[in-house]
Amino acid sequence: MQYAVMLEPLPAEEKMPGFFYAHVPSLGLTTHGLGVEGALEAACDLVVLWNDEKRANGQSVAAPSEAILTTLEVG
């Protein structure tokens, strides 16, 4: 299955330069990792664990949903 992942750099006040958040909107999950590759790897690991836990508890695994990312000009 392919899940959409949104990446964004951690804010400067987090004092973790080079780290990115990885959001998986269809599952409501967020993790982080060093660089884009680290964040994607962390997201993949989290989704696998999440889905395994769901299956182990007899729950259905959420199907990936389409995601659209855009920007919004405010002000």
PDB file of N, CA and C in Angstrom:
ATOM      1  N   MET A   1       0.833  -1.178   0.000  1.00  0.00           N
ATOM      2  CA  MET A   1       0.000   0.000   0.000  1.00  0.00           C
ATOM      3  C   MET A   1       0.875   1.237   0.000  1.00  0.00           C
ATOM      4  N   GLN A   2       0.388   2.269  -0.641  1.00  0.00           N
ATOM      5  CA  GLN A   2       1.104   3.535  -0.669  1.00  0.00           C
ATOM      6  C   GLN A   2       0.303   4.578   0.103  1.00  0.00           C
ATOM      7  N   TYR A   3       0.954   5.203   1.065  1.00  0.00           N
ATOM      8  CA  TYR A   3       0.339   6.243   1.877  1.00  0.00           C
ATOM      9  C   TYR A   3       0.985   7.585   1.545  1.00  0.00           C
ATOM     10  N   ALA A   4       0.181   8.628   1.479  1.00  0.00           N
ATOM     11  CA  ALA A   4       0.715   9.970   1.283  1.00  0.00           C
ATOM     12  C   ALA A   4       1.425  10.403   2.568  1.00  0.00           C
ATOM     13  N   VAL A   5       2.555  11.061   2.410  1.00  0.00           N
ATOM     14  CA  VAL A   5       3.326  11.571   3.549  1.00  0.00           C
ATOM     15  C   VAL A   5       3.647  13.033   3.274  1.00  0.00           C
ATOM     16  N   MET A   6       3.351  13.892   4.241  1.00  0.00           N
ATOM     17  CA  MET A   6       3.689  15.302   4.140  1.00  0.00           C
ATOM     18  C   MET A   6       4.900  15.559   5.036  1.00  0.00           C
ATOM     19  N   LEU A   7       5.907  16.185   4.485  1.00  0.00           N
ATOM     20  CA  LEU A   7       7.133  16.477   5.233  1.00  0.00           C
ATOM     21  C   LEU A   7       7.245  17.974   5.485  1.00  0.00           C
ATOM     22  N   GLU A   8       7.734  18.334   6.671  1.00  0.00           N
ATOM     23  CA  GLU A   8       8.030  19.736   6.959  1.00  0.00           C
ATOM     24  C   GLU A   8       9.178  19.787   7.963  1.00  0.00           C
ATOM     25  N   PRO A   9      10.070  20.758   7.793  1.00  0.00           N
ATOM     26  CA  PRO A   9      11.194  20.871   8.727  1.00  0.00           C
ATOM     27  C   PRO A   9      10.699  21.239  10.122  1.00  0.00           C
ATOM     28  N   LEU A  10      11.370  20.699  11.133  1.00  0.00           N
ATOM     29  CA  LEU A  10      11.043  21.068  12.506  1.00  0.00           C
ATOM     30  C   LEU A  10      11.370  22.542  12.704  1.00  0.00           C
ATOM     31  N   PRO A  11      10.563  23.240  13.500  1.00  0.00           N
ATOM     32  CA  PRO A  11      10.836  24.659  13.761  1.00  0.00           C
ATOM     33  C   PRO A  11      12.176  24.844  14.480  1.00  0.00           C
ATOM     34  N   ALA A  12      12.782  25.985  14.268  1.00  0.00           N
ATOM     35  CA  ALA A  12      14.092  26.285  14.863  1.00  0.00           C
ATOM     36  C   ALA A  12      14.078  26.145  16.376  1.00  0.00           C
ATOM     37  N   GLU A  13      12.959  26.503  17.020  1.00  0.00           N
ATOM     38  CA  GLU A  13      12.909  26.425  18.483  1.00  0.00           C
ATOM     39  C   GLU A  13      12.976  24.991  19.012  1.00  0.00           C
ATOM     40  N   GLU A  14      12.791  24.014  18.149  1.00  0.00           N
ATOM     41  CA  GLU A  14      12.938  22.609  18.559  1.00  0.00           C
ATOM     42  C   GLU A  14      14.406  22.239  18.737  1.00  0.00           C
ATOM     43  N   LYS A  15      15.293  23.056  18.196  1.00  0.00           N
ATOM     44  CA  LYS A  15      16.746  22.861  18.305  1.00  0.00           C
ATOM     45  C   LYS A  15      17.189  21.477  17.807  1.00  0.00           C
ATOM     46  N   MET A  16      16.593  21.069  16.692  1.00  0.00           N
ATOM     47  CA  MET A  16      16.956  19.817  16.037  1.00  0.00           C
ATOM     48  C   MET A  16      17.173  20.099  14.547  1.00  0.00           C
ATOM     49  N   PRO A  17      18.242  20.851  14.211  1.00  0.00           N
ATOM     50  CA  PRO A  17      18.450  21.229  12.809  1.00  0.00           C
ATOM     51  C   PRO A  17      18.587  20.001  11.918  1.00  0.00           C
ATOM     52  N   GLY A  18      17.981  20.088  10.757  1.00  0.00           N
ATOM     53  CA  GLY A  18      18.055  18.998   9.794  1.00  0.00           C
ATOM     54  C   GLY A  18      16.975  17.944   9.962  1.00  0.00           C
ATOM     55  N   PHE A  19      16.152  18.049  11.018  1.00  0.00           N
ATOM     56  CA  PHE A  19      15.088  17.071  11.243  1.00  0.00           C
ATOM     57  C   PHE A  19      13.798  17.531  10.577  1.00  0.00           C
ATOM     58  N   PHE A  20      13.009  16.555  10.134  1.00  0.00           N
ATOM     59  CA  PHE A  20      11.736  16.820   9.490  1.00  0.00           C
ATOM     60  C   PHE A  20      10.633  16.035  10.179  1.00  0.00           C
ATOM     61  N   TYR A  21       9.445  16.665  10.269  1.00  0.00           N
ATOM     62  CA  TYR A  21       8.240  15.932  10.638  1.00  0.00           C
ATOM     63  C   TYR A  21       7.769  15.174   9.409  1.00  0.00           C
ATOM     64  N   ALA A  22       7.205  14.009   9.628  1.00  0.00           N
ATOM     65  CA  ALA A  22       6.566  13.239   8.568  1.00  0.00           C
ATOM     66  C   ALA A  22       5.147  12.936   9.031  1.00  0.00           C
ATOM     67  N   HIS A  23       4.167  13.528   8.341  1.00  0.00           N
ATOM     68  CA  HIS A  23       2.756  13.352   8.681  1.00  0.00           C
ATOM     69  C   HIS A  23       2.132  12.361   7.699  1.00  0.00           C
ATOM     70  N   VAL A  24       1.374  11.398   8.209  1.00  0.00           N
ATOM     71  CA  VAL A  24       0.623  10.451   7.375  1.00  0.00           C
ATOM     72  C   VAL A  24      -0.854  10.782   7.609  1.00  0.00           C
ATOM     73  N   PRO A  25      -1.418  11.675   6.797  1.00  0.00           N
ATOM     74  CA  PRO A  25      -2.759  12.199   7.067  1.00  0.00           C
ATOM     75  C   PRO A  25      -3.855  11.137   7.146  1.00  0.00           C
ATOM     76  N   SER A  26      -3.824  10.134   6.279  1.00  0.00           N
ATOM     77  CA  SER A  26      -4.914   9.157   6.259  1.00  0.00           C
ATOM     78  C   SER A  26      -4.966   8.297   7.517  1.00  0.00           C
ATOM     79  N   LEU A  27      -3.860   8.262   8.264  1.00  0.00           N
ATOM     80  CA  LEU A  27      -3.825   7.481   9.508  1.00  0.00           C
ATOM     81  C   LEU A  27      -3.761   8.377  10.744  1.00  0.00           C
ATOM     82  N   GLY A  28      -3.572   9.659  10.542  1.00  0.00           N
ATOM     83  CA  GLY A  28      -3.456  10.569  11.676  1.00  0.00           C
ATOM     84  C   GLY A  28      -2.170  10.367  12.457  1.00  0.00           C
ATOM     85  N   LEU A  29      -1.108   9.968  11.775  1.00  0.00           N
ATOM     86  CA  LEU A  29       0.172   9.689  12.436  1.00  0.00           C
ATOM     87  C   LEU A  29       1.203  10.750  12.085  1.00  0.00           C
ATOM     88  N   THR A  30       2.076  11.042  13.041  1.00  0.00           N
ATOM     89  CA  THR A  30       3.197  11.954  12.822  1.00  0.00           C
ATOM     90  C   THR A  30       4.421  11.404  13.533  1.00  0.00           C
ATOM     91  N   THR A  31       5.555  11.488  12.869  1.00  0.00           N
ATOM     92  CA  THR A  31       6.828  11.095  13.451  1.00  0.00           C
ATOM     93  C   THR A  31       7.874  12.080  12.939  1.00  0.00           C
ATOM     94  N   HIS A  32       9.140  11.815  13.188  1.00  0.00           N
ATOM     95  CA  HIS A  32      10.181  12.698  12.683  1.00  0.00           C
ATOM     96  C   HIS A  32      11.465  11.906  12.462  1.00  0.00           C
ATOM     97  N   GLY A  33      12.373  12.490  11.688  1.00  0.00           N
ATOM     98  CA  GLY A  33      13.661  11.861  11.429  1.00  0.00           C
ATOM     99  C   GLY A  33      14.638  12.875  10.894  1.00  0.00           C
ATOM    100  N   LEU A  34      15.903  12.479  10.865  1.00  0.00           N
ATOM    101  CA  LEU A  34      16.965  13.354  10.381  1.00  0.00           C
ATOM    102  C   LEU A  34      16.950  13.367   8.859  1.00  0.00           C
ATOM    103  N   GLY A  35      16.736  14.532   8.290  1.00  0.00           N
ATOM    104  CA  GLY A  35      16.660  14.672   6.839  1.00  0.00           C
ATOM    105  C   GLY A  35      15.383  14.060   6.281  1.00  0.00           C
ATOM    106  N   VAL A  36      15.184  14.271   5.005  1.00  0.00           N
ATOM    107  CA  VAL A  36      13.994  13.744   4.337  1.00  0.00           C
ATOM    108  C   VAL A  36      13.993  12.222   4.396  1.00  0.00           C
ATOM    109  N   GLU A  37      15.118  11.614   4.096  1.00  0.00           N
ATOM    110  CA  GLU A  37      15.186  10.144   4.100  1.00  0.00           C
ATOM    111  C   GLU A  37      14.926   9.563   5.485  1.00  0.00           C
ATOM    112  N   GLY A  38      15.477  10.186   6.514  1.00  0.00           N
ATOM    113  CA  GLY A  38      15.251   9.708   7.877  1.00  0.00           C
ATOM    114  C   GLY A  38      13.800   9.836   8.290  1.00  0.00           C
ATOM    115  N   ALA A  39      13.158  10.935   7.888  1.00  0.00           N
ATOM    116  CA  ALA A  39      11.745  11.127   8.212  1.00  0.00           C
ATOM    117  C   ALA A  39      10.877  10.118   7.474  1.00  0.00           C
ATOM    118  N   LEU A  40      11.193   9.856   6.201  1.00  0.00           N
ATOM    119  CA  LEU A  40      10.427   8.863   5.441  1.00  0.00           C
ATOM    120  C   LEU A  40      10.611   7.463   6.007  1.00  0.00           C
ATOM    121  N   GLU A  41      11.824   7.139   6.413  1.00  0.00           N
ATOM    122  CA  GLU A  41      12.081   5.830   7.019  1.00  0.00           C
ATOM    123  C   GLU A  41      11.307   5.680   8.329  1.00  0.00           C
ATOM    124  N   ALA A  42      11.306   6.720   9.146  1.00  0.00           N
ATOM    125  CA  ALA A  42      10.565   6.689  10.411  1.00  0.00           C
ATOM    126  C   ALA A  42       9.066   6.541  10.147  1.00  0.00           C
ATOM    127  N   ALA A  43       8.561   7.241   9.125  1.00  0.00           N
ATOM    128  CA  ALA A  43       7.140   7.138   8.777  1.00  0.00           C
ATOM    129  C   ALA A  43       6.796   5.733   8.321  1.00  0.00           C
ATOM    130  N   CYS A  44       7.640   5.142   7.506  1.00  0.00           N
ATOM    131  CA  CYS A  44       7.409   3.773   7.029  1.00  0.00           C
ATOM    132  C   CYS A  44       7.375   2.801   8.203  1.00  0.00           C
ATOM    133  N   ASP A  45       8.340   2.910   9.089  1.00  0.00           N
ATOM    134  CA  ASP A  45       8.381   2.039  10.268  1.00  0.00           C
ATOM    135  C   ASP A  45       7.123   2.206  11.114  1.00  0.00           C
ATOM    136  N   LEU A  46       6.686   3.450  11.310  1.00  0.00           N
ATOM    137  CA  LEU A  46       5.509   3.721  12.126  1.00  0.00           C
ATOM    138  C   LEU A  46       4.244   3.147  11.486  1.00  0.00           C
ATOM    139  N   VAL A  47       4.092   3.306  10.179  1.00  0.00           N
ATOM    140  CA  VAL A  47       2.912   2.779   9.485  1.00  0.00           C
ATOM    141  C   VAL A  47       2.879   1.258   9.564  1.00  0.00           C
ATOM    142  N   VAL A  48       4.017   0.613   9.384  1.00  0.00           N
ATOM    143  CA  VAL A  48       4.075  -0.848   9.484  1.00  0.00           C
ATOM    144  C   VAL A  48       3.665  -1.294  10.890  1.00  0.00           C
ATOM    145  N   LEU A  49       4.221  -0.666  11.912  1.00  0.00           N
ATOM    146  CA  LEU A  49       3.873  -1.013  13.299  1.00  0.00           C
ATOM    147  C   LEU A  49       2.398  -0.751  13.585  1.00  0.00           C
ATOM    148  N   TRP A  50       1.890   0.380  13.123  1.00  0.00           N
ATOM    149  CA  TRP A  50       0.483   0.750  13.319  1.00  0.00           C
ATOM    150  C   TRP A  50      -0.433  -0.296  12.691  1.00  0.00           C
ATOM    151  N   ASN A  51      -0.144  -0.647  11.432  1.00  0.00           N
ATOM    152  CA  ASN A  51      -0.971  -1.637  10.738  1.00  0.00           C
ATOM    153  C   ASN A  51      -0.860  -3.018  11.375  1.00  0.00           C
ATOM    154  N   ASP A  52       0.331  -3.415  11.790  1.00  0.00           N
ATOM    155  CA  ASP A  52       0.511  -4.701  12.472  1.00  0.00           C
ATOM    156  C   ASP A  52      -0.295  -4.754  13.764  1.00  0.00           C
ATOM    157  N   GLU A  53      -0.279  -3.663  14.517  1.00  0.00           N
ATOM    158  CA  GLU A  53      -1.025  -3.594  15.774  1.00  0.00           C
ATOM    159  C   GLU A  53      -2.529  -3.685  15.510  1.00  0.00           C
ATOM    160  N   LYS A  54      -2.996  -2.994  14.484  1.00  0.00           N
ATOM    161  CA  LYS A  54      -4.414  -3.068  14.119  1.00  0.00           C
ATOM    162  C   LYS A  54      -4.813  -4.507  13.787  1.00  0.00           C
ATOM    163  N   ARG A  55      -4.020  -5.156  12.947  1.00  0.00           N
ATOM    164  CA  ARG A  55      -4.321  -6.546  12.558  1.00  0.00           C
ATOM    165  C   ARG A  55      -4.295  -7.479  13.768  1.00  0.00           C
ATOM    166  N   ALA A  56      -3.320  -7.291  14.654  1.00  0.00           N
ATOM    167  CA  ALA A  56      -3.185  -8.144  15.837  1.00  0.00           C
ATOM    168  C   ALA A  56      -4.400  -8.025  16.750  1.00  0.00           C
ATOM    169  N   ASN A  57      -5.068  -6.884  16.713  1.00  0.00           N
ATOM    170  CA  ASN A  57      -6.251  -6.654  17.543  1.00  0.00           C
ATOM    171  C   ASN A  57      -7.555  -6.894  16.789  1.00  0.00           C
ATOM    172  N   GLY A  58      -7.449  -7.512  15.605  1.00  0.00           N
ATOM    173  CA  GLY A  58      -8.637  -7.839  14.831  1.00  0.00           C
ATOM    174  C   GLY A  58      -9.309  -6.636  14.199  1.00  0.00           C
ATOM    175  N   GLN A  59      -8.595  -5.531  14.100  1.00  0.00           N
ATOM    176  CA  GLN A  59      -9.159  -4.321  13.504  1.00  0.00           C
ATOM    177  C   GLN A  59      -8.734  -4.221  12.041  1.00  0.00           C
ATOM    178  N   SER A  60      -9.517  -3.511  11.264  1.00  0.00           N
ATOM    179  CA  SER A  60      -9.165  -3.339   9.864  1.00  0.00           C
ATOM    180  C   SER A  60      -8.099  -2.255   9.725  1.00  0.00           C
ATOM    181  N   VAL A  61      -7.322  -2.399   8.691  1.00  0.00           N
ATOM    182  CA  VAL A  61      -6.270  -1.427   8.378  1.00  0.00           C
ATOM    183  C   VAL A  61      -6.872  -0.376   7.461  1.00  0.00           C
ATOM    184  N   ALA A  62      -6.666   0.881   7.800  1.00  0.00           N
ATOM    185  CA  ALA A  62      -7.202   1.968   6.987  1.00  0.00           C
ATOM    186  C   ALA A  62      -6.549   1.975   5.615  1.00  0.00           C
ATOM    187  N   ALA A  63      -7.379   2.102   4.608  1.00  0.00           N
ATOM    188  CA  ALA A  63      -6.866   2.194   3.245  1.00  0.00           C
ATOM    189  C   ALA A  63      -6.247   3.565   3.032  1.00  0.00           C
ATOM    190  N   PRO A  64      -5.209   3.626   2.233  1.00  0.00           N
ATOM    191  CA  PRO A  64      -4.619   4.925   1.934  1.00  0.00           C
ATOM    192  C   PRO A  64      -5.653   5.818   1.254  1.00  0.00           C
ATOM    193  N   SER A  65      -5.575   7.109   1.524  1.00  0.00           N
ATOM    194  CA  SER A  65      -6.466   8.044   0.857  1.00  0.00           C
ATOM    195  C   SER A  65      -5.647   9.007   0.023  1.00  0.00           C
ATOM    196  N   GLU A  66      -6.293   9.584  -0.961  1.00  0.00           N
ATOM    197  CA  GLU A  66      -5.606  10.567  -1.796  1.00  0.00           C
ATOM    198  C   GLU A  66      -5.344  11.824  -0.987  1.00  0.00           C
ATOM    199  N   ALA A  67      -4.225  12.417  -1.196  1.00  0.00           N
ATOM    200  CA  ALA A  67      -3.881  13.659  -0.493  1.00  0.00           C
ATOM    201  C   ALA A  67      -3.505  14.725  -1.496  1.00  0.00           C
ATOM    202  N   ILE A  68      -3.920  15.927  -1.229  1.00  0.00           N
ATOM    203  CA  ILE A  68      -3.555  17.075  -2.054  1.00  0.00           C
ATOM    204  C   ILE A  68      -2.843  18.066  -1.142  1.00  0.00           C
ATOM    205  N   LEU A  69      -1.688  18.501  -1.567  1.00  0.00           N
ATOM    206  CA  LEU A  69      -0.934  19.482  -0.792  1.00  0.00           C
ATOM    207  C   LEU A  69      -0.851  20.771  -1.604  1.00  0.00           C
ATOM    208  N   THR A  70      -1.183  21.852  -0.973  1.00  0.00           N
ATOM    209  CA  THR A  70      -1.112  23.156  -1.627  1.00  0.00           C
ATOM    210  C   THR A  70      -0.671  24.177  -0.596  1.00  0.00           C
ATOM    211  N   THR A  71      -0.494  25.392  -1.031  1.00  0.00           N
ATOM    212  CA  THR A  71      -0.156  26.479  -0.115  1.00  0.00           C
ATOM    213  C   THR A  71      -1.305  27.483  -0.099  1.00  0.00           C
ATOM    214  N   LEU A  72      -1.332  28.282   0.937  1.00  0.00           N
ATOM    215  CA  LEU A  72      -2.384  29.260   1.115  1.00  0.00           C
ATOM    216  C   LEU A  72      -1.761  30.595   1.473  1.00  0.00           C
ATOM    217  N   GLU A  73      -2.051  31.613   0.707  1.00  0.00           N
ATOM    218  CA  GLU A  73      -1.555  32.967   0.990  1.00  0.00           C
ATOM    219  C   GLU A  73      -2.517  33.640   1.954  1.00  0.00           C
ATOM    220  N   VAL A  74      -2.020  34.055   3.099  1.00  0.00           N
ATOM    221  CA  VAL A  74      -2.856  34.689   4.115  1.00  0.00           C
ATOM    222  C   VAL A  74      -2.317  36.091   4.395  1.00  0.00           C
ATOM    223  N   GLY A  75      -3.214  37.046   4.485  1.00  0.00           N
ATOM    224  CA  GLY A  75      -2.823  38.402   4.848  1.00  0.00           C
ATOM    225  C   GLY A  75      -2.441  39.172   3.678  1.00  0.00           C
TER     226      GLY A  75
END
